[in-house]
């Protein structure tokens, strides 16, 4: 099976492989969401099952995906500002979203979910990175992967401790985070990221079978399929209208405020004498208008935020991105 699949993929061009990956991910998305939605009526507590599945994804898959992806990245000192812009943009939008959404009448769990939806975007090859490939070719895809370099470390060093505190304070309002409490099996990706960076910077190569057997692709598809199924368990089409008042402020942050901040960061780098190439600038702009990340839904479920709201926000921002934003990007950059 391995040799047949590997031989078939080996005959495909980079463009064909990208198309194959997108088609495969669309199939996984549709099957996962639909099967989860249909199965939701068969379980007494679909929300609890969704949390269990998301925890399995976080603990069983995400740390290994993070390890292999970062380990294999080709790092370049000339492009150091690209991942820095990615991390700064995420943190800036998080701070701005926290301020903007504080005016909404929401409980703490729902507000944190909304902030996560605004701050965490689909930047991988199922979202922003694939659009970069479609617009700018293989070089655009490579730059999109470099942009993500500091995304996971920032996520695990900043966001997860905050979510852990929230979860602890649900049971004890005076709970504080300490080293013992942060040694949580759900934080497994943090040492994985540190290990990957160490291996990468010391030029230790990944085993050959990782690329030949497309291990990362397999892990991504399985993890995504489980995540889409868990989202489907919580999608209630009739209930989507309950969050209409939240879709518009979130869309304003995702598709207006975030690219505005990205353009500001590009301008600040320019006036400081660190000119980015036009391609790098274009990649940053494309990645700044992507929809909410599926990982946002995972974290919302695992850390006892508002799982149904997270699923609804993911569905709506993804649909808006595909229908409205992608055509505009192709008009601007194609």
Protein backbone atom coordinates (compact mmCIF):
# COMPACT_ATOMS: atom_id res chain seq x y z
CA UNK A 1 0.00 0.00 0.00
CA UNK A 2 2.81 2.35 0.93
CA UNK A 3 4.69 1.78 -2.34
CA UNK A 4 1.60 2.20 -4.53
CA UNK A 5 0.54 5.45 -2.81
CA UNK A 6 4.08 6.80 -2.79
CA UNK A 7 4.65 5.91 -6.45
CA UNK A 8 1.39 7.61 -7.47
CA UNK A 9 2.21 10.78 -5.56
CA UNK A 10 5.78 10.76 -6.86
CA UNK A 11 4.48 11.12 -10.43
CA UNK A 12 2.50 14.26 -9.58
CA UNK A 13 3.83 17.78 -9.99
CA UNK A 14 3.86 20.21 -7.08
CA UNK A 15 0.76 21.85 -8.55
CA UNK A 16 -1.03 18.51 -8.84
CA UNK A 17 -0.08 17.56 -5.28
CA UNK A 18 -1.49 20.85 -3.99
CA UNK A 19 -4.73 20.19 -5.87
CA UNK A 20 -4.83 16.63 -4.54
CA UNK A 21 -4.34 17.88 -0.99
CA UNK A 22 -7.08 20.48 -1.35
CA UNK A 23 -9.51 17.98 -2.88
CA UNK A 24 -8.70 15.46 -0.15
CA UNK A 25 -9.20 18.04 2.58
CA UNK A 26 -12.53 19.16 1.09
CA UNK A 27 -13.65 15.52 1.05
CA UNK A 28 -12.52 15.04 4.66
CA UNK A 29 -14.28 18.28 5.66
CA UNK A 30 -17.60 17.37 4.00
CA UNK A 31 -17.62 13.76 5.20
CA UNK A 32 -16.51 14.70 8.73
CA UNK A 33 -18.99 17.54 9.19
CA UNK A 34 -21.90 15.66 7.65
CA UNK A 35 -21.28 12.43 9.55
CA UNK A 36 -20.90 14.35 12.83
CA UNK A 37 -24.07 16.31 12.15
CA UNK A 38 -26.07 13.16 11.34
CA UNK A 39 -24.60 11.28 14.31
CA UNK A 40 -25.36 14.04 16.82
CA UNK A 41 -28.91 12.78 17.33
CA UNK A 42 -27.59 9.34 18.27
CA UNK A 43 -25.75 10.55 21.38
CA UNK A 44 -27.26 11.84 24.59
CA UNK A 45 -24.38 14.27 25.21
CA UNK A 46 -22.80 15.19 21.86
CA UNK A 47 -21.02 18.15 23.45
CA UNK A 48 -19.17 15.88 25.88
CA UNK A 49 -18.26 13.48 23.07
CA UNK A 50 -16.98 16.41 20.99
CA UNK A 51 -14.75 17.51 23.87
CA UNK A 52 -13.35 13.98 24.21
CA UNK A 53 -12.59 13.78 20.48
CA UNK A 54 -10.95 17.22 20.47
CA UNK A 55 -8.81 16.22 23.45
CA UNK A 56 -7.68 13.10 21.59
CA UNK A 57 -6.74 15.27 18.60
CA UNK A 58 -4.82 17.72 20.79
CA UNK A 59 -2.94 15.04 22.71
CA UNK A 60 -2.61 12.32 20.11
CA UNK A 61 -1.94 14.23 16.89
CA UNK A 62 -1.21 17.95 17.18
CA UNK A 63 2.08 17.64 19.06
CA UNK A 64 3.44 15.18 16.47
CA UNK A 65 2.26 17.34 13.55
CA UNK A 66 3.92 20.39 15.15
CA UNK A 67 7.14 18.44 15.71
CA UNK A 68 7.40 17.17 12.13
CA UNK A 69 6.30 20.37 10.37
CA UNK A 70 8.68 22.70 12.25
CA UNK A 71 11.53 20.17 12.13
CA UNK A 72 11.27 20.02 8.31
CA UNK A 73 11.01 23.77 7.65
CA UNK A 74 13.85 25.38 5.73
CA UNK A 75 14.71 28.39 7.85
CA UNK A 76 16.40 31.49 6.49
CA UNK A 77 17.85 34.48 8.33
CA UNK A 78 16.78 36.70 5.45
CA UNK A 79 13.15 35.84 6.14
CA UNK A 80 13.23 36.19 9.92
CA UNK A 81 10.75 39.09 9.83
CA UNK A 82 8.06 36.94 8.24
CA UNK A 83 7.34 34.72 11.28
CA UNK A 84 7.86 37.72 13.59
CA UNK A 85 5.12 39.61 11.73
CA UNK A 86 2.89 36.52 12.05
CA UNK A 87 3.33 36.31 15.82
CA UNK A 88 3.04 40.08 16.40
CA UNK A 89 -0.09 40.23 14.25
CA UNK A 90 -1.72 37.42 16.21
CA UNK A 91 -0.93 39.01 19.58
CA UNK A 92 -1.98 42.49 18.43
CA UNK A 93 -5.32 41.26 17.10
CA UNK A 94 -5.84 39.32 20.32
CA UNK A 95 -5.36 42.47 22.42
CA UNK A 96 -7.57 44.58 20.15
CA UNK A 97 -10.28 41.89 20.09
CA UNK A 98 -10.25 41.63 23.88
CA UNK A 99 -10.89 45.37 24.07
CA UNK A 100 -13.54 45.46 21.36
CA UNK A 101 -15.45 42.41 22.54
CA UNK A 102 -15.48 43.59 26.16
CA UNK A 103 -18.43 45.81 25.18
CA UNK A 104 -20.53 42.79 24.20
CA UNK A 105 -22.82 41.27 26.80
CA UNK A 106 -21.27 37.83 26.94
CA UNK A 107 -20.17 35.48 29.70
CA UNK A 108 -16.45 34.88 30.09
CA UNK A 109 -16.45 31.55 28.20
CA UNK A 110 -18.25 32.98 25.16
CA UNK A 111 -16.06 36.10 25.12
CA UNK A 112 -12.87 34.02 25.21
CA UNK A 113 -14.26 31.87 22.40
CA UNK A 114 -14.91 34.98 20.31
CA UNK A 115 -11.40 36.31 21.00
CA UNK A 116 -9.89 32.96 19.96
CA UNK A 117 -11.96 32.99 16.77
CA UNK A 118 -10.61 36.48 15.96
CA UNK A 119 -6.98 35.75 16.84
CA UNK A 120 -6.45 32.23 15.46
CA UNK A 121 -6.70 31.85 11.70
CA UNK A 122 -6.59 29.01 9.20
CA UNK A 123 -3.10 29.59 7.83
CA UNK A 124 -2.23 26.07 6.69
CA UNK A 125 -2.50 24.49 3.25
CA UNK A 126 -6.23 23.94 3.83
CA UNK A 127 -6.62 27.72 4.01
CA UNK A 128 -4.21 30.61 3.64
CA UNK A 129 -1.17 28.60 2.57
CA UNK A 130 -3.07 26.96 -0.28
CA UNK A 131 -4.34 30.33 -1.49
CA UNK A 132 -0.72 31.57 -1.43
CA UNK A 133 0.25 28.56 -3.52
CA UNK A 134 -2.60 29.13 -5.98
CA UNK A 135 -1.66 32.80 -6.36
CA UNK A 136 2.14 32.79 -6.07
CA UNK A 137 3.27 29.23 -6.75
CA UNK A 138 5.59 27.02 -4.73
CA UNK A 139 7.55 30.00 -3.41
CA UNK A 140 4.35 31.46 -1.96
CA UNK A 141 3.58 28.15 -0.25
CA UNK A 142 7.08 28.04 1.22
CA UNK A 143 6.78 31.59 2.56
CA UNK A 144 3.40 30.73 4.10
CA UNK A 145 5.02 27.83 5.97
CA UNK A 146 7.79 30.12 7.26
CA UNK A 147 5.15 32.65 8.38
CA UNK A 148 3.77 29.91 10.67
CA UNK A 149 7.08 29.24 12.39
CA UNK A 150 6.33 31.24 15.57
CA UNK A 151 2.57 30.63 15.47
CA UNK A 152 2.59 27.42 17.50
CA UNK A 153 5.19 28.53 20.07
CA UNK A 154 3.18 31.72 20.66
CA UNK A 155 -0.01 29.72 20.92
CA UNK A 156 1.36 27.33 23.51
CA UNK A 157 3.32 29.90 25.50
CA UNK A 158 0.60 32.59 25.63
CA UNK A 159 -2.84 31.23 24.84
CA UNK A 160 -2.83 27.84 26.55
CA UNK A 161 -1.80 29.16 29.99
CA UNK A 162 -4.64 31.71 29.77
CA UNK A 163 -7.13 28.99 28.84
CA UNK A 164 -5.81 26.75 31.60
CA UNK A 165 -6.36 29.54 34.16
CA UNK A 166 -9.91 30.00 32.86
CA UNK A 167 -10.61 26.30 33.25
CA UNK A 168 -9.18 26.22 36.77
CA UNK A 169 -11.22 29.25 37.82
CA UNK A 170 -14.46 27.63 36.72
CA UNK A 171 -14.02 25.40 39.77
CA UNK A 172 -12.09 27.83 41.99
CA UNK A 173 -12.32 31.58 41.37
CA UNK A 174 -9.03 32.14 43.24
CA UNK A 175 -7.04 29.48 41.38
CA UNK A 176 -3.56 30.44 40.22
CA UNK A 177 -1.34 28.91 37.58
CA UNK A 178 1.91 27.31 38.72
CA UNK A 179 4.44 24.93 37.21
CA UNK A 180 2.67 21.87 38.57
CA UNK A 181 -0.62 22.88 36.96
CA UNK A 182 0.95 23.77 33.64
CA UNK A 183 2.44 20.26 33.41
CA UNK A 184 -0.75 19.19 31.70
CA UNK A 185 -0.75 16.42 29.08
CA UNK A 186 -2.66 18.81 26.79
CA UNK A 187 0.49 20.99 26.67
CA UNK A 188 2.46 18.19 25.02
CA UNK A 189 2.97 20.26 21.86
CA UNK A 190 5.07 22.82 23.75
CA UNK A 191 8.07 20.52 24.35
CA UNK A 192 7.47 19.15 20.84
CA UNK A 193 7.89 22.63 19.34
CA UNK A 194 11.05 23.27 21.40
CA UNK A 195 12.45 19.89 20.32
CA UNK A 196 11.60 20.60 16.66
CA UNK A 197 13.32 23.98 16.70
CA UNK A 198 16.39 22.45 18.34
CA UNK A 199 16.58 19.65 15.77
CA UNK A 200 16.04 22.11 12.92
CA UNK A 201 18.66 24.61 14.03
CA UNK A 202 21.22 21.86 14.66
CA UNK A 203 20.63 20.51 11.12
CA UNK A 204 19.40 17.10 12.24
CA UNK A 205 17.44 15.69 9.31
CA UNK A 206 14.03 14.07 9.60
CA UNK A 207 13.92 10.33 8.82
CA UNK A 208 13.44 9.65 5.10
CA UNK A 209 10.22 7.71 5.62
CA UNK A 210 8.46 10.84 6.95
CA UNK A 211 8.51 12.44 3.51
CA UNK A 212 8.33 9.24 1.45
CA UNK A 213 5.30 7.90 3.31
CA UNK A 214 3.63 11.35 3.58
CA UNK A 215 3.30 10.94 7.34
CA UNK A 216 2.42 14.60 7.92
CA UNK A 217 -0.39 14.46 5.34
CA UNK A 218 -1.81 11.32 6.94
CA UNK A 219 -1.71 12.84 10.43
CA UNK A 220 -3.31 16.08 9.20
CA UNK A 221 -6.14 14.26 7.42
CA UNK A 222 -6.90 11.98 10.37
CA UNK A 223 -6.75 14.83 12.90
CA UNK A 224 -8.84 17.07 10.64
CA UNK A 225 -11.40 14.35 10.04
CA UNK A 226 -11.84 13.79 13.78
CA UNK A 227 -12.05 17.55 14.37
CA UNK A 228 -14.63 18.06 11.61
CA UNK A 229 -16.68 15.19 13.04
CA UNK A 230 -16.57 16.81 16.49
CA UNK A 231 -17.64 20.14 14.99
CA UNK A 232 -20.49 18.40 13.18
CA UNK A 233 -21.68 16.97 16.49
CA UNK A 234 -22.27 20.52 17.72
CA UNK A 235 -23.55 22.20 14.56
CA UNK A 236 -27.23 23.00 14.85
CA UNK A 237 -28.35 24.77 11.69
CA UNK A 238 -31.42 26.19 13.39
CA UNK A 239 -29.23 27.55 16.18
CA UNK A 240 -26.82 29.36 13.83
CA UNK A 241 -29.19 32.32 13.77
CA UNK A 242 -28.76 32.71 17.54
CA UNK A 243 -25.27 34.11 17.00
CA UNK A 244 -26.01 36.55 14.16
CA UNK A 245 -25.10 39.53 16.34
CA UNK A 246 -21.60 38.06 16.81
CA UNK A 247 -20.84 37.23 13.17
CA UNK A 248 -20.56 40.84 12.05
CA UNK A 249 -18.08 42.10 14.70
CA UNK A 250 -16.00 38.96 14.18
CA UNK A 251 -16.04 39.42 10.39
CA UNK A 252 -14.99 43.05 10.86
CA UNK A 253 -11.99 41.92 12.92
CA UNK A 254 -11.04 39.00 10.65
CA UNK A 255 -11.45 40.66 7.27
CA UNK A 256 -10.97 44.38 7.95
CA UNK A 257 -9.06 45.06 11.17
CA UNK A 258 -6.52 42.23 10.86
CA UNK A 259 -5.37 43.12 7.31
CA UNK A 260 -5.25 46.80 8.38
CA UNK A 261 -2.89 45.86 11.23
CA UNK A 262 -0.85 43.73 8.81
CA UNK A 263 -0.45 46.68 6.46
CA UNK A 264 0.60 48.84 9.41
CA UNK A 265 3.28 46.31 10.40
CA UNK A 266 4.56 46.20 6.81
CA UNK A 267 4.74 50.01 6.78
CA UNK A 268 6.56 50.11 10.13
CA UNK A 269 9.15 47.67 8.84
CA UNK A 270 9.56 49.74 5.70
CA UNK A 271 10.18 53.04 7.52
CA UNK A 272 12.63 51.27 9.81
CA UNK A 273 14.70 50.28 6.80
CA UNK A 274 13.68 46.60 6.70
CA UNK A 275 12.07 46.45 3.30
CA UNK A 276 10.21 43.24 2.53
CA UNK A 277 9.98 41.95 -1.02
CA UNK A 278 6.64 42.42 -2.76
CA UNK A 279 6.01 38.67 -2.63
CA UNK A 280 6.57 38.53 1.13
CA UNK A 281 4.23 41.49 1.59
CA UNK A 282 1.57 39.83 -0.55
CA UNK A 283 1.83 36.58 1.43
CA UNK A 284 1.37 38.50 4.70
CA UNK A 285 -1.71 40.27 3.31
CA UNK A 286 -3.29 37.01 2.10
CA UNK A 287 -2.66 35.27 5.42
CA UNK A 288 -4.13 38.22 7.31
CA UNK A 289 -7.62 37.69 5.85
CA UNK A 290 -8.09 33.97 6.49
CA UNK A 291 -11.05 32.53 8.45
CA UNK A 292 -11.03 31.21 12.01
CA UNK A 293 -8.84 28.16 12.59
CA UNK A 294 -10.29 24.76 13.31
CA UNK A 295 -7.79 24.66 16.19
CA UNK A 296 -9.88 27.42 17.77
CA UNK A 297 -12.77 24.96 17.94
CA UNK A 298 -10.48 22.32 19.44
CA UNK A 299 -9.26 24.66 22.20
CA UNK A 300 -12.78 25.92 22.92
CA UNK A 301 -13.98 22.37 23.53
CA UNK A 302 -10.96 21.10 25.41
CA UNK A 303 -10.76 24.06 27.81
CA UNK A 304 -14.50 24.36 28.54
CA UNK A 305 -15.26 27.49 26.56
CA UNK A 306 -18.36 27.77 24.35
CA UNK A 307 -18.04 24.82 21.98
CA UNK A 308 -21.29 25.34 20.02
CA UNK A 309 -20.43 29.01 19.51
CA UNK A 310 -16.93 28.08 18.33
CA UNK A 311 -18.36 25.64 15.77
CA UNK A 312 -20.81 28.26 14.48
CA UNK A 313 -18.09 30.91 14.17
CA UNK A 314 -15.83 28.51 12.28
CA UNK A 315 -18.60 27.55 9.85
CA UNK A 316 -19.63 31.15 9.14
CA UNK A 317 -16.12 32.65 8.77
CA UNK A 318 -15.03 29.76 6.53
CA UNK A 319 -18.10 30.20 4.31
CA UNK A 320 -17.55 33.98 4.13
CA UNK A 321 -13.89 33.44 3.23
CA UNK A 322 -14.67 31.01 0.40
CA UNK A 323 -17.60 32.97 -1.05
CA UNK A 324 -16.47 36.57 -0.57
CA UNK A 325 -12.79 36.91 0.32
CA UNK A 326 -11.12 34.40 -2.02
CA UNK A 327 -12.61 35.95 -5.20
CA UNK A 328 -11.36 39.38 -4.08
CA UNK A 329 -7.87 38.00 -3.45
CA UNK A 330 -7.76 36.51 -6.94
CA UNK A 331 -8.92 39.80 -8.43
CA UNK A 332 -6.14 41.64 -6.59
CA UNK A 333 -3.23 39.24 -6.98
CA UNK A 334 -3.88 36.71 -9.75
